[in-house]
Amino acid sequence: MIGNEAPGTLWRFTGLDDHWYNKLAMYLGMSEIHRDDGVIVTNYKFLLEGQSTVVDRSFLKFFREVA
């Protein structure tokens, strides 16, 4: 499961997005946003096509770890 993995692990995007489909991504770690109302929003950072990309947990189901 992403989030428990060490930064640097490789993942493949398997979602329906034509631009990212079947692309490799390197997991960079979690990124938290601390809102003024006390809520902490956790996002996940990946290096995808040379760009640092932040996704929320709804995207995690589209990533598969590369063995």
PDB file of N, CA and C in Angstrom:
ATOM      1  N   MET A   1       0.840  -1.188   0.000  1.00  0.00           N
ATOM      2  CA  MET A   1       0.000   0.000   0.000  1.00  0.00           C
ATOM      3  C   MET A   1       0.880   1.245   0.000  1.00  0.00           C
ATOM      4  N   ILE A   2       0.539   2.164  -0.847  1.00  0.00           N
ATOM      5  CA  ILE A   2       1.269   3.425  -0.911  1.00  0.00           C
ATOM      6  C   ILE A   2       1.033   4.174   0.395  1.00  0.00           C
ATOM      7  N   GLY A   3       2.049   4.808   0.888  1.00  0.00           N
ATOM      8  CA  GLY A   3       1.984   5.511   2.168  1.00  0.00           C
ATOM      9  C   GLY A   3       2.817   4.765   3.187  1.00  0.00           C
ATOM     10  N   ASN A   4       2.783   3.433   3.117  1.00  0.00           N
ATOM     11  CA  ASN A   4       3.625   2.611   3.975  1.00  0.00           C
ATOM     12  C   ASN A   4       4.950   2.294   3.289  1.00  0.00           C
ATOM     13  N   GLU A   5       5.039   2.579   2.012  1.00  0.00           N
ATOM     14  CA  GLU A   5       6.231   2.282   1.228  1.00  0.00           C
ATOM     15  C   GLU A   5       7.285   3.370   1.429  1.00  0.00           C
ATOM     16  N   ALA A   6       8.529   2.968   1.257  1.00  0.00           N
ATOM     17  CA  ALA A   6       9.629   3.927   1.362  1.00  0.00           C
ATOM     18  C   ALA A   6       9.691   4.785   0.101  1.00  0.00           C
ATOM     19  N   PRO A   7      10.024   6.054   0.253  1.00  0.00           N
ATOM     20  CA  PRO A   7      10.247   6.878  -0.925  1.00  0.00           C
ATOM     21  C   PRO A   7      11.305   6.235  -1.821  1.00  0.00           C
ATOM     22  N   GLY A   8      11.107   6.345  -3.117  1.00  0.00           N
ATOM     23  CA  GLY A   8      12.026   5.762  -4.083  1.00  0.00           C
ATOM     24  C   GLY A   8      11.490   4.499  -4.737  1.00  0.00           C
ATOM     25  N   THR A   9      10.367   3.951  -4.222  1.00  0.00           N
ATOM     26  CA  THR A   9       9.803   2.761  -4.853  1.00  0.00           C
ATOM     27  C   THR A   9       9.122   3.143  -6.160  1.00  0.00           C
ATOM     28  N   LEU A  10       9.127   2.202  -7.106  1.00  0.00           N
ATOM     29  CA  LEU A  10       8.543   2.454  -8.425  1.00  0.00           C
ATOM     30  C   LEU A  10       7.131   1.892  -8.514  1.00  0.00           C
ATOM     31  N   TRP A  11       6.262   2.667  -9.155  1.00  0.00           N
ATOM     32  CA  TRP A  11       4.870   2.307  -9.335  1.00  0.00           C
ATOM     33  C   TRP A  11       4.486   2.560 -10.786  1.00  0.00           C
ATOM     34  N   ARG A  12       3.492   1.846 -11.266  1.00  0.00           N
ATOM     35  CA  ARG A  12       2.972   2.050 -12.617  1.00  0.00           C
ATOM     36  C   ARG A  12       1.527   2.527 -12.503  1.00  0.00           C
ATOM     37  N   PHE A  13       1.202   3.575 -13.254  1.00  0.00           N
ATOM     38  CA  PHE A  13      -0.156   4.105 -13.247  1.00  0.00           C
ATOM     39  C   PHE A  13      -1.002   3.275 -14.200  1.00  0.00           C
ATOM     40  N   THR A  14      -2.106   2.721 -13.700  1.00  0.00           N
ATOM     41  CA  THR A  14      -2.948   1.833 -14.506  1.00  0.00           C
ATOM     42  C   THR A  14      -4.359   2.377 -14.693  1.00  0.00           C
ATOM     43  N   GLY A  15      -4.550   3.652 -14.428  1.00  0.00           N
ATOM     44  CA  GLY A  15      -5.876   4.257 -14.550  1.00  0.00           C
ATOM     45  C   GLY A  15      -6.269   4.482 -15.997  1.00  0.00           C
ATOM     46  N   LEU A  16      -7.361   5.163 -16.181  1.00  0.00           N
ATOM     47  CA  LEU A  16      -7.925   5.363 -17.510  1.00  0.00           C
ATOM     48  C   LEU A  16      -7.431   6.627 -18.202  1.00  0.00           C
ATOM     49  N   ASP A  17      -6.626   7.412 -17.518  1.00  0.00           N
ATOM     50  CA  ASP A  17      -6.109   8.655 -18.098  1.00  0.00           C
ATOM     51  C   ASP A  17      -5.177   8.339 -19.254  1.00  0.00           C
ATOM     52  N   ASP A  18      -5.476   8.834 -20.449  1.00  0.00           N
ATOM     53  CA  ASP A  18      -4.656   8.540 -21.627  1.00  0.00           C
ATOM     54  C   ASP A  18      -3.234   9.063 -21.492  1.00  0.00           C
ATOM     55  N   HIS A  19      -3.057  10.195 -20.832  1.00  0.00           N
ATOM     56  CA  HIS A  19      -1.736  10.809 -20.738  1.00  0.00           C
ATOM     57  C   HIS A  19      -0.806  10.034 -19.795  1.00  0.00           C
ATOM     58  N   TRP A  20      -1.324   9.559 -18.673  1.00  0.00           N
ATOM     59  CA  TRP A  20      -0.498   8.867 -17.679  1.00  0.00           C
ATOM     60  C   TRP A  20      -0.552   7.357 -17.789  1.00  0.00           C
ATOM     61  N   TYR A  21      -1.461   6.804 -18.593  1.00  0.00           N
ATOM     62  CA  TYR A  21      -1.669   5.353 -18.612  1.00  0.00           C
ATOM     63  C   TYR A  21      -0.363   4.599 -18.865  1.00  0.00           C
ATOM     64  N   ASN A  22      -0.088   3.631 -18.010  1.00  0.00           N
ATOM     65  CA  ASN A  22       1.058   2.721 -18.107  1.00  0.00           C
ATOM     66  C   ASN A  22       2.408   3.415 -17.896  1.00  0.00           C
ATOM     67  N   LYS A  23       2.407   4.616 -17.349  1.00  0.00           N
ATOM     68  CA  LYS A  23       3.648   5.344 -17.082  1.00  0.00           C
ATOM     69  C   LYS A  23       4.220   4.921 -15.729  1.00  0.00           C
ATOM     70  N   LEU A  24       5.556   4.942 -15.640  1.00  0.00           N
ATOM     71  CA  LEU A  24       6.221   4.667 -14.375  1.00  0.00           C
ATOM     72  C   LEU A  24       6.275   5.934 -13.528  1.00  0.00           C
ATOM     73  N   ALA A  25       6.151   5.750 -12.230  1.00  0.00           N
ATOM     74  CA  ALA A  25       6.215   6.870 -11.294  1.00  0.00           C
ATOM     75  C   ALA A  25       7.041   6.445 -10.090  1.00  0.00           C
ATOM     76  N   MET A  26       7.864   7.355  -9.580  1.00  0.00           N
ATOM     77  CA  MET A  26       8.629   7.092  -8.367  1.00  0.00           C
ATOM     78  C   MET A  26       7.918   7.774  -7.201  1.00  0.00           C
ATOM     79  N   TYR A  27       7.648   6.999  -6.163  1.00  0.00           N
ATOM     80  CA  TYR A  27       6.991   7.531  -4.976  1.00  0.00           C
ATOM     81  C   TYR A  27       7.979   8.398  -4.205  1.00  0.00           C
ATOM     82  N   LEU A  28       7.573   9.639  -3.897  1.00  0.00           N
ATOM     83  CA  LEU A  28       8.442  10.571  -3.188  1.00  0.00           C
ATOM     84  C   LEU A  28       8.069  10.740  -1.719  1.00  0.00           C
ATOM     85  N   GLY A  29       6.896  10.281  -1.329  1.00  0.00           N
ATOM     86  CA  GLY A  29       6.472  10.394   0.061  1.00  0.00           C
ATOM     87  C   GLY A  29       5.143  11.109   0.201  1.00  0.00           C
ATOM     88  N   MET A  30       4.715  11.217   1.442  1.00  0.00           N
ATOM     89  CA  MET A  30       3.455  11.887   1.729  1.00  0.00           C
ATOM     90  C   MET A  30       3.675  13.390   1.866  1.00  0.00           C
ATOM     91  N   SER A  31       2.645  14.123   1.569  1.00  0.00           N
ATOM     92  CA  SER A  31       2.663  15.579   1.692  1.00  0.00           C
ATOM     93  C   SER A  31       1.410  15.992   2.447  1.00  0.00           C
ATOM     94  N   GLU A  32       1.586  16.575   3.619  1.00  0.00           N
ATOM     95  CA  GLU A  32       0.439  16.945   4.447  1.00  0.00           C
ATOM     96  C   GLU A  32       0.186  18.443   4.392  1.00  0.00           C
ATOM     97  N   ILE A  33      -1.088  18.784   4.355  1.00  0.00           N
ATOM     98  CA  ILE A  33      -1.522  20.171   4.429  1.00  0.00           C
ATOM     99  C   ILE A  33      -2.248  20.335   5.754  1.00  0.00           C
ATOM    100  N   HIS A  34      -1.788  21.270   6.568  1.00  0.00           N
ATOM    101  CA  HIS A  34      -2.416  21.551   7.863  1.00  0.00           C
ATOM    102  C   HIS A  34      -3.285  22.794   7.702  1.00  0.00           C
ATOM    103  N   ARG A  35      -4.578  22.568   7.699  1.00  0.00           N
ATOM    104  CA  ARG A  35      -5.509  23.676   7.503  1.00  0.00           C
ATOM    105  C   ARG A  35      -5.723  24.450   8.800  1.00  0.00           C
ATOM    106  N   ASP A  36      -6.180  25.684   8.669  1.00  0.00           N
ATOM    107  CA  ASP A  36      -6.431  26.549   9.824  1.00  0.00           C
ATOM    108  C   ASP A  36      -7.491  25.979  10.763  1.00  0.00           C
ATOM    109  N   ASP A  37      -8.401  25.148  10.230  1.00  0.00           N
ATOM    110  CA  ASP A  37      -9.456  24.584  11.079  1.00  0.00           C
ATOM    111  C   ASP A  37      -9.014  23.302  11.790  1.00  0.00           C
ATOM    112  N   GLY A  38      -7.723  22.968  11.687  1.00  0.00           N
ATOM    113  CA  GLY A  38      -7.175  21.812  12.385  1.00  0.00           C
ATOM    114  C   GLY A  38      -7.187  20.512  11.601  1.00  0.00           C
ATOM    115  N   VAL A  39      -7.812  20.504  10.439  1.00  0.00           N
ATOM    116  CA  VAL A  39      -7.868  19.298   9.601  1.00  0.00           C
ATOM    117  C   VAL A  39      -6.533  19.119   8.895  1.00  0.00           C
ATOM    118  N   ILE A  40      -6.045  17.880   8.889  1.00  0.00           N
ATOM    119  CA  ILE A  40      -4.818  17.551   8.167  1.00  0.00           C
ATOM    120  C   ILE A  40      -5.204  16.764   6.922  1.00  0.00           C
ATOM    121  N   VAL A  41      -4.847  17.274   5.748  1.00  0.00           N
ATOM    122  CA  VAL A  41      -5.130  16.624   4.475  1.00  0.00           C
ATOM    123  C   VAL A  41      -3.846  15.941   4.017  1.00  0.00           C
ATOM    124  N   THR A  42      -3.915  14.627   3.787  1.00  0.00           N
ATOM    125  CA  THR A  42      -2.746  13.874   3.354  1.00  0.00           C
ATOM    126  C   THR A  42      -2.822  13.616   1.854  1.00  0.00           C
ATOM    127  N   ASN A  43      -1.781  14.028   1.146  1.00  0.00           N
ATOM    128  CA  ASN A  43      -1.638  13.767  -0.281  1.00  0.00           C
ATOM    129  C   ASN A  43      -0.374  12.936  -0.481  1.00  0.00           C
ATOM    130  N   TYR A  44      -0.149  12.484  -1.706  1.00  0.00           N
ATOM    131  CA  TYR A  44       0.970  11.595  -2.025  1.00  0.00           C
ATOM    132  C   TYR A  44       1.719  12.165  -3.215  1.00  0.00           C
ATOM    133  N   LYS A  45       3.047  12.267  -3.069  1.00  0.00           N
ATOM    134  CA  LYS A  45       3.876  12.862  -4.121  1.00  0.00           C
ATOM    135  C   LYS A  45       4.568  11.772  -4.930  1.00  0.00           C
ATOM    136  N   PHE A  46       4.563  11.954  -6.239  1.00  0.00           N
ATOM    137  CA  PHE A  46       5.229  11.060  -7.175  1.00  0.00           C
ATOM    138  C   PHE A  46       6.053  11.885  -8.149  1.00  0.00           C
ATOM    139  N   LEU A  47       7.107  11.280  -8.651  1.00  0.00           N
ATOM    140  CA  LEU A  47       7.845  11.849  -9.773  1.00  0.00           C
ATOM    141  C   LEU A  47       7.331  11.120 -11.001  1.00  0.00           C
ATOM    142  N   LEU A  48       6.613  11.831 -11.850  1.00  0.00           N
ATOM    143  CA  LEU A  48       5.943  11.241 -13.004  1.00  0.00           C
ATOM    144  C   LEU A  48       6.287  12.062 -14.230  1.00  0.00           C
ATOM    145  N   GLU A  49       6.944  11.437 -15.186  1.00  0.00           N
ATOM    146  CA  GLU A  49       7.400  12.109 -16.408  1.00  0.00           C
ATOM    147  C   GLU A  49       8.267  13.329 -16.089  1.00  0.00           C
ATOM    148  N   GLY A  50       9.137  13.197 -15.102  1.00  0.00           N
ATOM    149  CA  GLY A  50      10.073  14.260 -14.757  1.00  0.00           C
ATOM    150  C   GLY A  50       9.475  15.399 -13.954  1.00  0.00           C
ATOM    151  N   GLN A  51       8.210  15.296 -13.573  1.00  0.00           N
ATOM    152  CA  GLN A  51       7.528  16.347 -12.824  1.00  0.00           C
ATOM    153  C   GLN A  51       7.085  15.806 -11.468  1.00  0.00           C
ATOM    154  N   SER A  52       7.238  16.602 -10.444  1.00  0.00           N
ATOM    155  CA  SER A  52       6.695  16.250  -9.140  1.00  0.00           C
ATOM    156  C   SER A  52       5.179  16.427  -9.223  1.00  0.00           C
ATOM    157  N   THR A  53       4.447  15.351  -8.922  1.00  0.00           N
ATOM    158  CA  THR A  53       2.998  15.337  -9.060  1.00  0.00           C
ATOM    159  C   THR A  53       2.379  14.943  -7.723  1.00  0.00           C
ATOM    160  N   VAL A  54       1.364  15.669  -7.298  1.00  0.00           N
ATOM    161  CA  VAL A  54       0.690  15.384  -6.034  1.00  0.00           C
ATOM    162  C   VAL A  54      -0.712  14.866  -6.350  1.00  0.00           C
ATOM    163  N   VAL A  55      -1.063  13.722  -5.734  1.00  0.00           N
ATOM    164  CA  VAL A  55      -2.394  13.153  -5.918  1.00  0.00           C
ATOM    165  C   VAL A  55      -3.020  12.898  -4.553  1.00  0.00           C
ATOM    166  N   ASP A  56      -4.340  12.830  -4.517  1.00  0.00           N
ATOM    167  CA  ASP A  56      -5.006  12.476  -3.268  1.00  0.00           C
ATOM    168  C   ASP A  56      -5.241  10.967  -3.245  1.00  0.00           C
ATOM    169  N   ARG A  57      -5.805  10.474  -2.146  1.00  0.00           N
ATOM    170  CA  ARG A  57      -5.913   9.033  -1.968  1.00  0.00           C
ATOM    171  C   ARG A  57      -6.842   8.367  -2.985  1.00  0.00           C
ATOM    172  N   SER A  58      -7.721   9.140  -3.630  1.00  0.00           N
ATOM    173  CA  SER A  58      -8.614   8.536  -4.618  1.00  0.00           C
ATOM    174  C   SER A  58      -7.847   8.012  -5.833  1.00  0.00           C
ATOM    175  N   PHE A  59      -6.641   8.513  -6.076  1.00  0.00           N
ATOM    176  CA  PHE A  59      -5.828   8.059  -7.203  1.00  0.00           C
ATOM    177  C   PHE A  59      -5.008   6.813  -6.880  1.00  0.00           C
ATOM    178  N   LEU A  60      -4.834   6.492  -5.602  1.00  0.00           N
ATOM    179  CA  LEU A  60      -3.934   5.393  -5.220  1.00  0.00           C
ATOM    180  C   LEU A  60      -4.375   4.050  -5.790  1.00  0.00           C
ATOM    181  N   LYS A  61      -5.661   3.860  -6.010  1.00  0.00           N
ATOM    182  CA  LYS A  61      -6.142   2.592  -6.551  1.00  0.00           C
ATOM    183  C   LYS A  61      -5.663   2.344  -7.971  1.00  0.00           C
ATOM    184  N   PHE A  62      -5.154   3.375  -8.640  1.00  0.00           N
ATOM    185  CA  PHE A  62      -4.679   3.240 -10.011  1.00  0.00           C
ATOM    186  C   PHE A  62      -3.185   2.963 -10.110  1.00  0.00           C
ATOM    187  N   PHE A  63      -2.491   2.868  -8.978  1.00  0.00           N
ATOM    188  CA  PHE A  63      -1.058   2.592  -8.991  1.00  0.00           C
ATOM    189  C   PHE A  63      -0.788   1.152  -8.590  1.00  0.00           C
ATOM    190  N   ARG A  64       0.113   0.499  -9.322  1.00  0.00           N
ATOM    191  CA  ARG A  64       0.552  -0.868  -9.016  1.00  0.00           C
ATOM    192  C   ARG A  64       2.063  -0.854  -8.833  1.00  0.00           C
ATOM    193  N   GLU A  65       2.532  -1.481  -7.757  1.00  0.00           N
ATOM    194  CA  GLU A  65       3.975  -1.495  -7.494  1.00  0.00           C
ATOM    195  C   GLU A  65       4.687  -2.320  -8.552  1.00  0.00           C
ATOM    196  N   VAL A  66       5.832  -1.812  -9.005  1.00  0.00           N
ATOM    197  CA  VAL A  66       6.656  -2.517  -9.981  1.00  0.00           C
ATOM    198  C   VAL A  66       7.559  -3.483  -9.215  1.00  0.00           C
ATOM    199  N   ALA A  67       7.489  -4.747  -9.587  1.00  0.00           N
ATOM    200  CA  ALA A  67       8.283  -5.777  -8.871  1.00  0.00           C
ATOM    201  C   ALA A  67       9.721  -5.785  -9.342  1.00  0.00           C
TER     202      ALA A  67
END
